[in-house]
Amino acid sequence: MRTAFAALAVLLLVGLASAPQGAEAQVTTYTKGQPVYPAYEGWRRADDGGYIMMFGYMNQNWEQAPNVPVGPDNYFSPGPADRGQPTHFLPRRNRFIFEVTVPASFGQDDELIWTLRVNGQEHSAFGTIREDLFVDNVVIMSETGALGAGTSSPAIRANIPPSIQLEGDLERTVRVGETLTLAAIVEDDGQPNRDSFRGFLQQAAEGDSISDTAAEADRAVEEAEEEEAEPTPRELLARALRAPTATVTVSKRIRLHFTWFVYRGDGETVEIEPPQVKPWEDTRAFANSPWSISWDPPEIPEDGRWEAEAVFSEPGTYILRGRADDGGLYSDVEVVINVEPPRV
């Protein structure tokens, strides 16, 4: 295994750092012109006895982030076409992006269909309440890459999503070129963390080789904590390569973070500072993404207050979504921004 890791490090460091990793590196990828596939992620029970259906999508492009307004190219059926789905589609895989609640009368044979038409190709996702599509928090953590499939620990199973307290109104007005301050206070239970993550790795171990790998990863984390100097990109990559892959799908770095992104509206006309952690699965080395092999997470504010500034270059109505992610579970908040033309 160490030989394979060393070979990968050489490839990355000689110029393939921007290329997709894992299975994605073995298929043809595109920057633009490809479809967006809606995805049905599963369902869970609502408190009122109904069902909460979870959707996401796969944008086949690495750079193009299409804008598709609700209408003939972005709609639900049967019933209302607008179910709160995104109209701005970030690159690549975006899991568990939004939820649609249906009543308890929604039957086993009923379907809720989300249809998208992007770059001339139409695709649909079919939501049902089949028993095999039931989703709980452990499934979410596994699907997003925080856990290995079918593995967990009591501490991780007790994890609850972070809470978000937004400062300011849920709808605001700003002019083109003006700075809009966005601030949110995030509280979390501290799970998952290094100890709980190490615990489930050791619990899942079936031999000395896996135990040794877990111990090696733990030593790497301890060494990192003892370092006072800012690690170089090469050191970050080397540290990431020493750690084991925890999942059979994507691998996600576990660290609490909060990020803003455009959910509805033209994302090309919005600038957010500081640069926000990507909420989509950018697996390329050194990408600002928890799925990157060498992600350097932002420092968690001591007071839990995350602040950012947004500037809009075109008038219109936008929805910005803030996501608090503890590495395993997440919570969302949305702000509607009415952007008016600049003063004459």
C-alpha atoms as a PDB file:
ATOM      1  CA  MET A   1       0.000   0.000   0.000  1.00  0.00           C
ATOM      2  CA  ARG A   2       2.858   2.397   0.798  1.00  0.00           C
ATOM      3  CA  THR A   3       4.282   1.747  -2.674  1.00  0.00           C
ATOM      4  CA  ALA A   4       0.967   2.707  -4.272  1.00  0.00           C
ATOM      5  CA  PHE A   5       0.763   5.870  -2.186  1.00  0.00           C
ATOM      6  CA  ALA A   6       4.320   6.845  -3.157  1.00  0.00           C
ATOM      7  CA  ALA A   7       3.538   6.384  -6.830  1.00  0.00           C
ATOM      8  CA  LEU A   8       0.447   8.557  -6.506  1.00  0.00           C
ATOM      9  CA  ALA A   9       2.456  11.272  -4.771  1.00  0.00           C
ATOM     10  CA  VAL A  10       4.988  11.357  -7.599  1.00  0.00           C
ATOM     11  CA  LEU A  11       2.230  11.698 -10.197  1.00  0.00           C
ATOM     12  CA  LEU A  12       0.542  14.511  -8.337  1.00  0.00           C
ATOM     13  CA  LEU A  13       3.703  16.451  -7.696  1.00  0.00           C
ATOM     14  CA  VAL A  14       4.884  16.386 -11.318  1.00  0.00           C
ATOM     15  CA  GLY A  15       1.884  18.176 -12.679  1.00  0.00           C
ATOM     16  CA  LEU A  16      -1.335  16.193 -12.268  1.00  0.00           C
ATOM     17  CA  ALA A  17      -2.456  18.017  -9.157  1.00  0.00           C
ATOM     18  CA  SER A  18      -5.429  19.499 -10.987  1.00  0.00           C
ATOM     19  CA  ALA A  19      -6.643  16.218 -12.465  1.00  0.00           C
ATOM     20  CA  PRO A  20      -9.569  14.235 -11.000  1.00  0.00           C
ATOM     21  CA  GLN A  21      -8.623  11.485  -8.570  1.00  0.00           C
ATOM     22  CA  GLY A  22      -9.927   7.963  -8.029  1.00  0.00           C
ATOM     23  CA  ALA A  23     -12.426   6.435 -10.415  1.00  0.00           C
ATOM     24  CA  GLU A  24     -13.075   9.813 -12.044  1.00  0.00           C
ATOM     25  CA  ALA A  25      -9.494   9.852 -13.333  1.00  0.00           C
ATOM     26  CA  GLN A  26     -10.193   6.742 -15.387  1.00  0.00           C
ATOM     27  CA  VAL A  27     -13.014   8.217 -17.460  1.00  0.00           C
ATOM     28  CA  THR A  28     -13.280  11.134 -19.840  1.00  0.00           C
ATOM     29  CA  THR A  29     -14.178  14.354 -18.065  1.00  0.00           C
ATOM     30  CA  TYR A  30     -15.414  17.682 -19.418  1.00  0.00           C
ATOM     31  CA  THR A  31     -15.258  21.332 -18.437  1.00  0.00           C
ATOM     32  CA  LYS A  32     -18.553  22.249 -20.119  1.00  0.00           C
ATOM     33  CA  GLY A  33     -21.291  21.146 -22.485  1.00  0.00           C
ATOM     34  CA  GLN A  34     -22.418  18.065 -20.565  1.00  0.00           C
ATOM     35  CA  PRO A  35     -25.772  17.364 -18.862  1.00  0.00           C
ATOM     36  CA  VAL A  36     -26.807  17.725 -15.245  1.00  0.00           C
ATOM     37  CA  TYR A  37     -28.358  14.566 -13.811  1.00  0.00           C
ATOM     38  CA  PRO A  38     -30.934  15.046 -11.026  1.00  0.00           C
ATOM     39  CA  ALA A  39     -30.527  12.498  -8.254  1.00  0.00           C
ATOM     40  CA  TYR A  40     -32.944  11.098  -5.716  1.00  0.00           C
ATOM     41  CA  GLU A  41     -31.009  10.385  -2.514  1.00  0.00           C
ATOM     42  CA  GLY A  42     -33.724   8.753  -0.373  1.00  0.00           C
ATOM     43  CA  TRP A  43     -36.332   9.572   2.241  1.00  0.00           C
ATOM     44  CA  ARG A  44     -36.958   9.761   5.973  1.00  0.00           C
ATOM     45  CA  ARG A  45     -40.033  10.230   8.153  1.00  0.00           C
ATOM     46  CA  ALA A  46     -41.351  13.707   8.927  1.00  0.00           C
ATOM     47  CA  ASP A  47     -42.570  14.559  12.419  1.00  0.00           C
ATOM     48  CA  ASP A  48     -46.161  14.881  11.171  1.00  0.00           C
ATOM     49  CA  GLY A  49     -46.179  11.373   9.700  1.00  0.00           C
ATOM     50  CA  GLY A  50     -45.347  12.449   6.163  1.00  0.00           C
ATOM     51  CA  TYR A  51     -42.129  11.855   4.283  1.00  0.00           C
ATOM     52  CA  ILE A  52     -39.085  14.008   3.617  1.00  0.00           C
ATOM     53  CA  MET A  53     -37.614  13.242   0.201  1.00  0.00           C
ATOM     54  CA  MET A  54     -33.986  14.242  -0.406  1.00  0.00           C
ATOM     55  CA  PHE A  55     -32.558  15.223  -3.773  1.00  0.00           C
ATOM     56  CA  GLY A  56     -29.181  16.167  -5.203  1.00  0.00           C
ATOM     57  CA  TYR A  57     -27.556  16.192  -8.613  1.00  0.00           C
ATOM     58  CA  MET A  58     -24.525  15.312 -10.687  1.00  0.00           C
ATOM     59  CA  ASN A  59     -23.264  18.084 -12.939  1.00  0.00           C
ATOM     60  CA  GLN A  60     -21.093  16.268 -15.454  1.00  0.00           C
ATOM     61  CA  ASN A  61     -18.985  19.395 -15.966  1.00  0.00           C
ATOM     62  CA  TRP A  62     -15.941  20.474 -13.954  1.00  0.00           C
ATOM     63  CA  GLU A  63     -16.296  24.201 -14.687  1.00  0.00           C
ATOM     64  CA  GLN A  64     -19.685  25.046 -16.192  1.00  0.00           C
ATOM     65  CA  ALA A  65     -22.263  25.903 -13.528  1.00  0.00           C
ATOM     66  CA  PRO A  66     -25.516  26.272 -15.500  1.00  0.00           C
ATOM     67  CA  ASN A  67     -28.402  28.519 -14.491  1.00  0.00           C
ATOM     68  CA  VAL A  68     -31.742  26.816 -15.168  1.00  0.00           C
ATOM     69  CA  PRO A  69     -34.810  28.728 -13.906  1.00  0.00           C
ATOM     70  CA  VAL A  70     -37.834  26.833 -12.668  1.00  0.00           C
ATOM     71  CA  GLY A  71     -39.955  26.164 -15.733  1.00  0.00           C
ATOM     72  CA  PRO A  72     -39.969  23.798 -18.711  1.00  0.00           C
ATOM     73  CA  ASP A  73     -36.291  22.895 -18.177  1.00  0.00           C
ATOM     74  CA  ASN A  74     -36.377  22.542 -14.367  1.00  0.00           C
ATOM     75  CA  TYR A  75     -39.587  21.271 -12.827  1.00  0.00           C
ATOM     76  CA  PHE A  76     -41.292  18.749 -10.569  1.00  0.00           C
ATOM     77  CA  SER A  77     -44.318  16.637 -11.405  1.00  0.00           C
ATOM     78  CA  PRO A  78     -46.988  15.856 -10.499  1.00  0.00           C
ATOM     79  CA  GLY A  79     -48.115  18.955  -8.627  1.00  0.00           C
ATOM     80  CA  PRO A  80     -46.261  22.265  -8.298  1.00  0.00           C
ATOM     81  CA  ALA A  81     -43.267  22.643 -10.602  1.00  0.00           C
ATOM     82  CA  ASP A  82     -41.363  24.626  -7.963  1.00  0.00           C
ATOM     83  CA  ARG A  83     -40.426  22.501  -4.945  1.00  0.00           C
ATOM     84  CA  GLY A  84     -37.523  24.621  -3.785  1.00  0.00           C
ATOM     85  CA  GLN A  85     -34.967  23.029  -6.117  1.00  0.00           C
ATOM     86  CA  PRO A  86     -31.800  24.891  -7.095  1.00  0.00           C
ATOM     87  CA  THR A  87     -31.592  26.930 -10.287  1.00  0.00           C
ATOM     88  CA  HIS A  88     -27.798  27.387 -10.118  1.00  0.00           C
ATOM     89  CA  PHE A  89     -25.963  24.087 -10.486  1.00  0.00           C
ATOM     90  CA  LEU A  90     -22.460  23.794  -9.082  1.00  0.00           C
ATOM     91  CA  PRO A  91     -19.960  21.470 -10.748  1.00  0.00           C
ATOM     92  CA  ARG A  92     -19.858  17.706 -10.212  1.00  0.00           C
ATOM     93  CA  ARG A  93     -21.613  15.703  -7.475  1.00  0.00           C
ATOM     94  CA  ASN A  94     -23.779  17.588  -5.003  1.00  0.00           C
ATOM     95  CA  ARG A  95     -25.540  15.249  -2.571  1.00  0.00           C
ATOM     96  CA  PHE A  96     -28.491  15.943  -0.265  1.00  0.00           C
ATOM     97  CA  ILE A  97     -28.900  19.493  -1.575  1.00  0.00           C
ATOM     98  CA  PHE A  98     -32.610  20.014  -0.852  1.00  0.00           C
ATOM     99  CA  GLU A  99     -35.667  18.320   0.592  1.00  0.00           C
ATOM    100  CA  VAL A 100     -39.297  18.027  -0.431  1.00  0.00           C
ATOM    101  CA  THR A 101     -41.950  17.058   2.110  1.00  0.00           C
ATOM    102  CA  VAL A 102     -44.898  14.972   0.953  1.00  0.00           C
ATOM    103  CA  PRO A 103     -47.970  14.022   3.049  1.00  0.00           C
ATOM    104  CA  ALA A 104     -48.564  10.726   4.802  1.00  0.00           C
ATOM    105  CA  SER A 105     -51.008   9.845   2.018  1.00  0.00           C
ATOM    106  CA  PHE A 106     -48.060   9.527  -0.406  1.00  0.00           C
ATOM    107  CA  GLY A 107     -48.150   5.834  -1.263  1.00  0.00           C
ATOM    108  CA  GLN A 108     -45.627   3.125  -2.079  1.00  0.00           C
ATOM    109  CA  ASP A 109     -46.555   3.295  -5.747  1.00  0.00           C
ATOM    110  CA  ASP A 110     -46.492   7.100  -5.984  1.00  0.00           C
ATOM    111  CA  GLU A 111     -43.609   8.983  -7.587  1.00  0.00           C
ATOM    112  CA  LEU A 112     -42.329  12.540  -7.351  1.00  0.00           C
ATOM    113  CA  ILE A 113     -40.336  13.328 -10.487  1.00  0.00           C
ATOM    114  CA  TRP A 114     -37.690  16.034 -10.888  1.00  0.00           C
ATOM    115  CA  THR A 115     -36.766  16.789 -14.507  1.00  0.00           C
ATOM    116  CA  LEU A 116     -33.812  18.830 -15.739  1.00  0.00           C
ATOM    117  CA  ARG A 117     -32.853  19.814 -19.268  1.00  0.00           C
ATOM    118  CA  VAL A 118     -29.300  21.149 -19.544  1.00  0.00           C
ATOM    119  CA  ASN A 119     -27.113  21.506 -22.634  1.00  0.00           C
ATOM    120  CA  GLY A 120     -29.799  19.902 -24.762  1.00  0.00           C
ATOM    121  CA  GLN A 121     -30.125  16.729 -22.675  1.00  0.00           C
ATOM    122  CA  GLU A 122     -33.106  15.913 -20.454  1.00  0.00           C
ATOM    123  CA  HIS A 123     -32.909  13.633 -17.430  1.00  0.00           C
ATOM    124  CA  SER A 124     -35.241  12.848 -14.527  1.00  0.00           C
ATOM    125  CA  ALA A 125     -34.989  11.548 -10.965  1.00  0.00           C
ATOM    126  CA  PHE A 126     -37.844   9.464  -9.571  1.00  0.00           C
ATOM    127  CA  GLY A 127     -38.576   9.843  -5.868  1.00  0.00           C
ATOM    128  CA  THR A 128     -40.408   7.027  -4.096  1.00  0.00           C
ATOM    129  CA  ILE A 129     -40.774   5.823  -0.503  1.00  0.00           C
ATOM    130  CA  ARG A 130     -39.561   2.304  -1.128  1.00  0.00           C
ATOM    131  CA  GLU A 131     -38.186   0.764   2.056  1.00  0.00           C
ATOM    132  CA  ASP A 132     -34.736   0.179   0.533  1.00  0.00           C
ATOM    133  CA  LEU A 133     -34.397   3.927  -0.063  1.00  0.00           C
ATOM    134  CA  PHE A 134     -34.817   4.884   3.597  1.00  0.00           C
ATOM    135  CA  VAL A 135     -32.017   7.168   4.794  1.00  0.00           C
ATOM    136  CA  ASP A 136     -30.755   7.929   8.296  1.00  0.00           C
ATOM    137  CA  ASN A 137     -27.797   9.964   9.540  1.00  0.00           C
ATOM    138  CA  VAL A 138     -25.347   7.064   9.245  1.00  0.00           C
ATOM    139  CA  VAL A 139     -26.329   6.575   5.611  1.00  0.00           C
ATOM    140  CA  ILE A 140     -25.839  10.300   4.945  1.00  0.00           C
ATOM    141  CA  MET A 141     -22.383  10.242   6.543  1.00  0.00           C
ATOM    142  CA  SER A 142     -21.478   7.168   4.520  1.00  0.00           C
ATOM    143  CA  GLU A 143     -22.769   8.546   1.222  1.00  0.00           C
ATOM    144  CA  THR A 144     -20.955  11.868   1.614  1.00  0.00           C
ATOM    145  CA  GLY A 145     -17.677  10.133   2.426  1.00  0.00           C
ATOM    146  CA  ALA A 146     -17.258  10.678   6.173  1.00  0.00           C
ATOM    147  CA  LEU A 147     -17.684   6.979   6.981  1.00  0.00           C
ATOM    148  CA  GLY A 148     -16.939   3.720   5.299  1.00  0.00           C
ATOM    149  CA  ALA A 149     -19.967   1.839   4.027  1.00  0.00           C
ATOM    150  CA  GLY A 150     -21.595  -0.110   6.832  1.00  0.00           C
ATOM    151  CA  THR A 151     -19.228   1.106   9.565  1.00  0.00           C
ATOM    152  CA  SER A 152     -19.755   3.447  12.499  1.00  0.00           C
ATOM    153  CA  SER A 153     -19.254   3.779  16.237  1.00  0.00           C
ATOM    154  CA  PRO A 154     -21.597   4.749  19.105  1.00  0.00           C
ATOM    155  CA  ALA A 155     -20.049   8.230  19.217  1.00  0.00           C
ATOM    156  CA  ILE A 156     -20.512   8.784  15.487  1.00  0.00           C
ATOM    157  CA  ARG A 157     -24.068   7.410  15.531  1.00  0.00           C
ATOM    158  CA  ALA A 158     -24.893   9.987  18.208  1.00  0.00           C
ATOM    159  CA  ASN A 159     -23.740  12.835  15.982  1.00  0.00           C
ATOM    160  CA  ILE A 160     -26.309  15.581  15.368  1.00  0.00           C
ATOM    161  CA  PRO A 161     -26.125  18.290  12.684  1.00  0.00           C
ATOM    162  CA  PRO A 162     -24.676  21.705  13.584  1.00  0.00           C
ATOM    163  CA  SER A 163     -27.100  24.498  14.444  1.00  0.00           C
ATOM    164  CA  ILE A 164     -27.086  27.862  12.665  1.00  0.00           C
ATOM    165  CA  GLN A 165     -28.178  31.229  14.037  1.00  0.00           C
ATOM    166  CA  LEU A 166     -28.245  33.737  11.199  1.00  0.00           C
ATOM    167  CA  GLU A 167     -27.589  37.395  11.958  1.00  0.00           C
ATOM    168  CA  GLY A 168     -29.960  39.722  10.116  1.00  0.00           C
ATOM    169  CA  ASP A 169     -33.112  39.226   8.075  1.00  0.00           C
ATOM    170  CA  LEU A 170     -33.885  36.287   5.805  1.00  0.00           C
ATOM    171  CA  GLU A 171     -34.603  38.755   2.973  1.00  0.00           C
ATOM    172  CA  ARG A 172     -32.408  41.748   2.210  1.00  0.00           C
ATOM    173  CA  THR A 173     -31.928  44.458  -0.400  1.00  0.00           C
ATOM    174  CA  VAL A 174     -28.603  45.671  -1.722  1.00  0.00           C
ATOM    175  CA  ARG A 175     -27.426  47.592  -4.787  1.00  0.00           C
ATOM    176  CA  VAL A 176     -25.032  46.418  -7.460  1.00  0.00           C
ATOM    177  CA  GLY A 177     -21.471  46.958  -6.278  1.00  0.00           C
ATOM    178  CA  GLU A 178     -22.370  47.369  -2.612  1.00  0.00           C
ATOM    179  CA  THR A 179     -20.948  45.028   0.012  1.00  0.00           C
ATOM    180  CA  LEU A 180     -23.379  42.757   1.838  1.00  0.00           C
ATOM    181  CA  THR A 181     -22.137  41.320   5.128  1.00  0.00           C
ATOM    182  CA  LEU A 182     -23.294  37.808   5.956  1.00  0.00           C
ATOM    183  CA  ALA A 183     -22.746  36.422   9.429  1.00  0.00           C
ATOM    184  CA  ALA A 184     -23.879  33.234  11.153  1.00  0.00           C
ATOM    185  CA  ILE A 185     -23.142  31.656  14.511  1.00  0.00           C
ATOM    186  CA  VAL A 186     -22.605  27.901  14.302  1.00  0.00           C
ATOM    187  CA  GLU A 187     -22.750  25.519  17.244  1.00  0.00           C
ATOM    188  CA  ASP A 188     -21.801  21.847  17.038  1.00  0.00           C
ATOM    189  CA  ASP A 189     -21.597  18.822  19.320  1.00  0.00           C
ATOM    190  CA  GLY A 190     -17.962  18.121  18.424  1.00  0.00           C
ATOM    191  CA  GLN A 191     -18.749  14.914  16.552  1.00  0.00           C
ATOM    192  CA  PRO A 192     -17.349  13.337  14.533  1.00  0.00           C
ATOM    193  CA  ASN A 193     -13.811  13.986  15.727  1.00  0.00           C
ATOM    194  CA  ARG A 194     -10.446  12.290  15.631  1.00  0.00           C
ATOM    195  CA  ASP A 195     -11.176   9.974  18.547  1.00  0.00           C
ATOM    196  CA  SER A 196     -14.543   8.787  17.245  1.00  0.00           C
ATOM    197  CA  PHE A 197     -13.183   8.418  13.732  1.00  0.00           C
ATOM    198  CA  ARG A 198     -10.214   6.413  14.992  1.00  0.00           C
ATOM    199  CA  GLY A 199     -12.572   4.296  17.078  1.00  0.00           C
ATOM    200  CA  PHE A 200     -14.669   3.172  14.156  1.00  0.00           C
ATOM    201  CA  LEU A 201     -11.547   2.445  12.078  1.00  0.00           C
ATOM    202  CA  GLN A 202     -10.207   0.219  14.818  1.00  0.00           C
ATOM    203  CA  GLN A 203     -13.597  -1.396  15.310  1.00  0.00           C
ATOM    204  CA  ALA A 204     -13.783  -2.180  11.594  1.00  0.00           C
ATOM    205  CA  ALA A 205     -10.237  -3.534  11.466  1.00  0.00           C
ATOM    206  CA  GLU A 206      -9.966  -7.215  10.571  1.00  0.00           C
ATOM    207  CA  GLY A 207      -6.225  -7.645  10.838  1.00  0.00           C
ATOM    208  CA  ASP A 208      -2.947  -6.039  11.737  1.00  0.00           C
ATOM    209  CA  SER A 209      -2.642  -4.317   8.352  1.00  0.00           C
ATOM    210  CA  ILE A 210      -5.757  -2.195   8.892  1.00  0.00           C
ATOM    211  CA  SER A 211      -4.858  -1.530  12.538  1.00  0.00           C
ATOM    212  CA  ASP A 212      -1.383  -0.448  11.513  1.00  0.00           C
ATOM    213  CA  THR A 213      -2.847   1.898   8.903  1.00  0.00           C
ATOM    214  CA  ALA A 214      -5.187   3.476  11.447  1.00  0.00           C
ATOM    215  CA  ALA A 215      -2.321   3.914  13.900  1.00  0.00           C
ATOM    216  CA  GLU A 216      -0.175   5.473  11.196  1.00  0.00           C
ATOM    217  CA  ALA A 217      -2.926   7.958  10.321  1.00  0.00           C
ATOM    218  CA  ASP A 218      -3.345   8.830  13.995  1.00  0.00           C
ATOM    219  CA  ARG A 219       0.366   9.496  14.373  1.00  0.00           C
ATOM    220  CA  ALA A 220       0.223  11.771  11.329  1.00  0.00           C
ATOM    221  CA  VAL A 221      -2.576  13.784  12.923  1.00  0.00           C
ATOM    222  CA  GLU A 222      -0.662  14.086  16.190  1.00  0.00           C
ATOM    223  CA  GLU A 223       2.449  15.232  14.345  1.00  0.00           C
ATOM    224  CA  ALA A 224       0.409  17.855  12.532  1.00  0.00           C
ATOM    225  CA  GLU A 225      -1.000  19.188  15.793  1.00  0.00           C
ATOM    226  CA  GLU A 226       2.485  19.547  17.235  1.00  0.00           C
ATOM    227  CA  GLU A 227       3.742  21.541  14.265  1.00  0.00           C
ATOM    228  CA  GLU A 228       3.853  25.286  14.865  1.00  0.00           C
ATOM    229  CA  ALA A 229       4.890  26.331  11.352  1.00  0.00           C
ATOM    230  CA  GLU A 230       2.363  26.579   8.517  1.00  0.00           C
ATOM    231  CA  PRO A 231       2.738  23.386   6.432  1.00  0.00           C
ATOM    232  CA  THR A 232       3.803  23.710   2.827  1.00  0.00           C
ATOM    233  CA  PRO A 233       1.604  22.339   0.009  1.00  0.00           C
ATOM    234  CA  ARG A 234       4.057  19.442  -0.373  1.00  0.00           C
ATOM    235  CA  GLU A 235       3.761  18.643   3.335  1.00  0.00           C
ATOM    236  CA  LEU A 236      -0.028  18.824   3.163  1.00  0.00           C
ATOM    237  CA  LEU A 237      -0.065  16.333   0.311  1.00  0.00           C
ATOM    238  CA  ALA A 238       2.358  14.001   2.064  1.00  0.00           C
ATOM    239  CA  ARG A 239       0.233  14.099   5.200  1.00  0.00           C
ATOM    240  CA  ALA A 240      -2.916  13.329   3.252  1.00  0.00           C
ATOM    241  CA  LEU A 241      -1.265  10.379   1.534  1.00  0.00           C
ATOM    242  CA  ARG A 242      -0.270   8.889   4.897  1.00  0.00           C
ATOM    243  CA  ALA A 243      -3.924   8.713   5.960  1.00  0.00           C
ATOM    244  CA  PRO A 244      -6.136   5.719   5.075  1.00  0.00           C
ATOM    245  CA  THR A 245      -9.063   5.921   2.699  1.00  0.00           C
ATOM    246  CA  ALA A 246     -12.154   5.574   4.887  1.00  0.00           C
ATOM    247  CA  THR A 247     -14.784   4.924   2.246  1.00  0.00           C
ATOM    248  CA  VAL A 248     -15.494   2.921  -0.866  1.00  0.00           C
ATOM    249  CA  THR A 249     -16.827   6.027  -2.636  1.00  0.00           C
ATOM    250  CA  VAL A 250     -15.435   9.509  -1.996  1.00  0.00           C
ATOM    251  CA  SER A 251     -13.277  10.319   1.020  1.00  0.00           C
ATOM    252  CA  LYS A 252     -14.133  13.406   3.029  1.00  0.00           C
ATOM    253  CA  ARG A 253     -11.940  15.247   5.517  1.00  0.00           C
ATOM    254  CA  ILE A 254     -13.716  15.717   8.838  1.00  0.00           C
ATOM    255  CA  ARG A 255     -13.648  19.293  10.133  1.00  0.00           C
ATOM    256  CA  LEU A 256     -16.435  21.722  11.033  1.00  0.00           C
ATOM    257  CA  HIS A 257     -16.818  24.512   8.484  1.00  0.00           C
ATOM    258  CA  PHE A 258     -19.408  26.976   7.194  1.00  0.00           C
ATOM    259  CA  THR A 259     -19.765  28.068   3.590  1.00  0.00           C
ATOM    260  CA  TRP A 260     -21.967  30.315   1.449  1.00  0.00           C
ATOM    261  CA  PHE A 261     -22.874  29.499  -2.147  1.00  0.00           C
ATOM    262  CA  VAL A 262     -25.353  30.629  -4.798  1.00  0.00           C
ATOM    263  CA  TYR A 263     -28.446  28.434  -4.748  1.00  0.00           C
ATOM    264  CA  ARG A 264     -30.639  30.471  -7.110  1.00  0.00           C
ATOM    265  CA  GLY A 265     -29.421  33.234  -9.400  1.00  0.00           C
ATOM    266  CA  ASP A 266     -26.441  33.745 -11.667  1.00  0.00           C
ATOM    267  CA  GLY A 267     -23.397  32.579  -9.769  1.00  0.00           C
ATOM    268  CA  GLU A 268     -21.051  34.330 -12.183  1.00  0.00           C
ATOM    269  CA  THR A 269     -22.268  37.712 -10.917  1.00  0.00           C
ATOM    270  CA  VAL A 270     -21.562  37.107  -7.214  1.00  0.00           C
ATOM    271  CA  GLU A 271     -18.214  37.401  -5.463  1.00  0.00           C
ATOM    272  CA  ILE A 272     -17.914  36.136  -1.894  1.00  0.00           C
ATOM    273  CA  GLU A 273     -14.918  36.845   0.330  1.00  0.00           C
ATOM    274  CA  PRO A 274     -13.066  35.189   1.858  1.00  0.00           C
ATOM    275  CA  PRO A 275     -13.014  32.331  -0.667  1.00  0.00           C
ATOM    276  CA  GLN A 276     -15.599  29.828   0.528  1.00  0.00           C
ATOM    277  CA  VAL A 277     -15.086  26.105   1.073  1.00  0.00           C
ATOM    278  CA  LYS A 278     -16.606  24.265  -1.861  1.00  0.00           C
ATOM    279  CA  PRO A 279     -19.820  22.400  -0.992  1.00  0.00           C
ATOM    280  CA  TRP A 280     -19.364  20.133  -4.023  1.00  0.00           C
ATOM    281  CA  GLU A 281     -17.111  17.115  -4.328  1.00  0.00           C
ATOM    282  CA  ASP A 282     -13.997  18.626  -5.855  1.00  0.00           C
ATOM    283  CA  THR A 283     -11.539  15.756  -5.469  1.00  0.00           C
ATOM    284  CA  ARG A 284      -8.620  17.520  -7.139  1.00  0.00           C
ATOM    285  CA  ALA A 285      -5.501  18.031  -5.053  1.00  0.00           C
ATOM    286  CA  PHE A 286      -5.268  21.405  -3.294  1.00  0.00           C
ATOM    287  CA  ALA A 287      -8.869  22.341  -4.088  1.00  0.00           C
ATOM    288  CA  ASN A 288     -10.634  24.238  -1.318  1.00  0.00           C
ATOM    289  CA  SER A 289     -12.879  21.237  -0.730  1.00  0.00           C
ATOM    290  CA  PRO A 290     -13.264  18.664   2.097  1.00  0.00           C
ATOM    291  CA  TRP A 291     -13.050  15.993  -0.613  1.00  0.00           C
ATOM    292  CA  SER A 292      -9.648  17.204  -1.799  1.00  0.00           C
ATOM    293  CA  ILE A 293      -6.689  14.987  -0.996  1.00  0.00           C
ATOM    294  CA  SER A 294      -4.851  17.879   0.684  1.00  0.00           C
ATOM    295  CA  TRP A 295      -7.587  20.198   1.965  1.00  0.00           C
ATOM    296  CA  ASP A 296      -6.426  22.784   4.468  1.00  0.00           C
ATOM    297  CA  PRO A 297      -9.583  23.592   6.486  1.00  0.00           C
ATOM    298  CA  PRO A 298     -10.241  27.131   7.716  1.00  0.00           C
ATOM    299  CA  GLU A 299      -9.755  27.965  11.360  1.00  0.00           C
ATOM    300  CA  ILE A 300     -12.924  27.668  13.419  1.00  0.00           C
ATOM    301  CA  PRO A 301     -13.760  31.083  14.954  1.00  0.00           C
ATOM    302  CA  GLU A 302     -13.451  31.066  18.739  1.00  0.00           C
ATOM    303  CA  ASP A 303     -16.886  32.667  19.095  1.00  0.00           C
ATOM    304  CA  GLY A 304     -18.407  30.411  16.446  1.00  0.00           C
ATOM    305  CA  ARG A 305     -19.225  33.433  14.280  1.00  0.00           C
ATOM    306  CA  TRP A 306     -18.513  32.962  10.584  1.00  0.00           C
ATOM    307  CA  GLU A 307     -18.513  36.167   8.535  1.00  0.00           C
ATOM    308  CA  ALA A 308     -18.327  36.740   4.785  1.00  0.00           C
ATOM    309  CA  GLU A 309     -18.947  39.600   2.346  1.00  0.00           C
ATOM    310  CA  ALA A 310     -20.850  39.319  -0.928  1.00  0.00           C
ATOM    311  CA  VAL A 311     -20.808  41.759  -3.845  1.00  0.00           C
ATOM    312  CA  PHE A 312     -23.225  41.488  -6.798  1.00  0.00           C
ATOM    313  CA  SER A 313     -22.396  42.797 -10.280  1.00  0.00           C
ATOM    314  CA  GLU A 314     -25.872  42.358 -11.836  1.00  0.00           C
ATOM    315  CA  PRO A 315     -29.376  43.197 -10.527  1.00  0.00           C
ATOM    316  CA  GLY A 316     -31.866  40.444  -9.839  1.00  0.00           C
ATOM    317  CA  THR A 317     -33.152  38.156  -7.115  1.00  0.00           C
ATOM    318  CA  TYR A 318     -30.705  35.700  -5.628  1.00  0.00           C
ATOM    319  CA  ILE A 319     -30.895  33.004  -2.979  1.00  0.00           C
ATOM    320  CA  LEU A 320     -27.663  32.415  -1.100  1.00  0.00           C
ATOM    321  CA  ARG A 321     -27.428  29.261   0.956  1.00  0.00           C
ATOM    322  CA  GLY A 322     -25.221  28.875   3.998  1.00  0.00           C
ATOM    323  CA  ARG A 323     -24.240  25.352   4.970  1.00  0.00           C
ATOM    324  CA  ALA A 324     -22.728  24.330   8.296  1.00  0.00           C
ATOM    325  CA  ASP A 325     -21.011  20.959   7.907  1.00  0.00           C
ATOM    326  CA  ASP A 326     -19.297  19.047  10.705  1.00  0.00           C
ATOM    327  CA  GLY A 327     -17.750  16.620   8.230  1.00  0.00           C
ATOM    328  CA  GLY A 328     -20.564  14.114   8.607  1.00  0.00           C
ATOM    329  CA  LEU A 329     -23.867  15.988   8.881  1.00  0.00           C
ATOM    330  CA  TYR A 330     -25.002  19.447   7.827  1.00  0.00           C
ATOM    331  CA  SER A 331     -27.596  22.193   8.327  1.00  0.00           C
ATOM    332  CA  ASP A 332     -28.651  24.883   5.860  1.00  0.00           C
ATOM    333  CA  VAL A 333     -29.946  28.438   5.986  1.00  0.00           C
ATOM    334  CA  GLU A 334     -31.091  30.597   3.072  1.00  0.00           C
ATOM    335  CA  VAL A 335     -31.117  34.349   2.490  1.00  0.00           C
ATOM    336  CA  VAL A 336     -33.073  36.007  -0.325  1.00  0.00           C
ATOM    337  CA  ILE A 337     -31.141  38.952  -1.778  1.00  0.00           C
ATOM    338  CA  ASN A 338     -32.898  41.557  -3.923  1.00  0.00           C
ATOM    339  CA  VAL A 339     -30.163  43.297  -5.904  1.00  0.00           C
ATOM    340  CA  GLU A 340     -31.147  46.674  -7.324  1.00  0.00           C
ATOM    341  CA  PRO A 341     -29.342  48.613 -10.083  1.00  0.00           C
ATOM    342  CA  PRO A 342     -26.583  50.979  -8.955  1.00  0.00           C
ATOM    343  CA  ARG A 343     -27.452  54.559  -8.138  1.00  0.00           C
ATOM    344  CA  VAL A 344     -27.221  56.886 -11.119  1.00  0.00           C
END
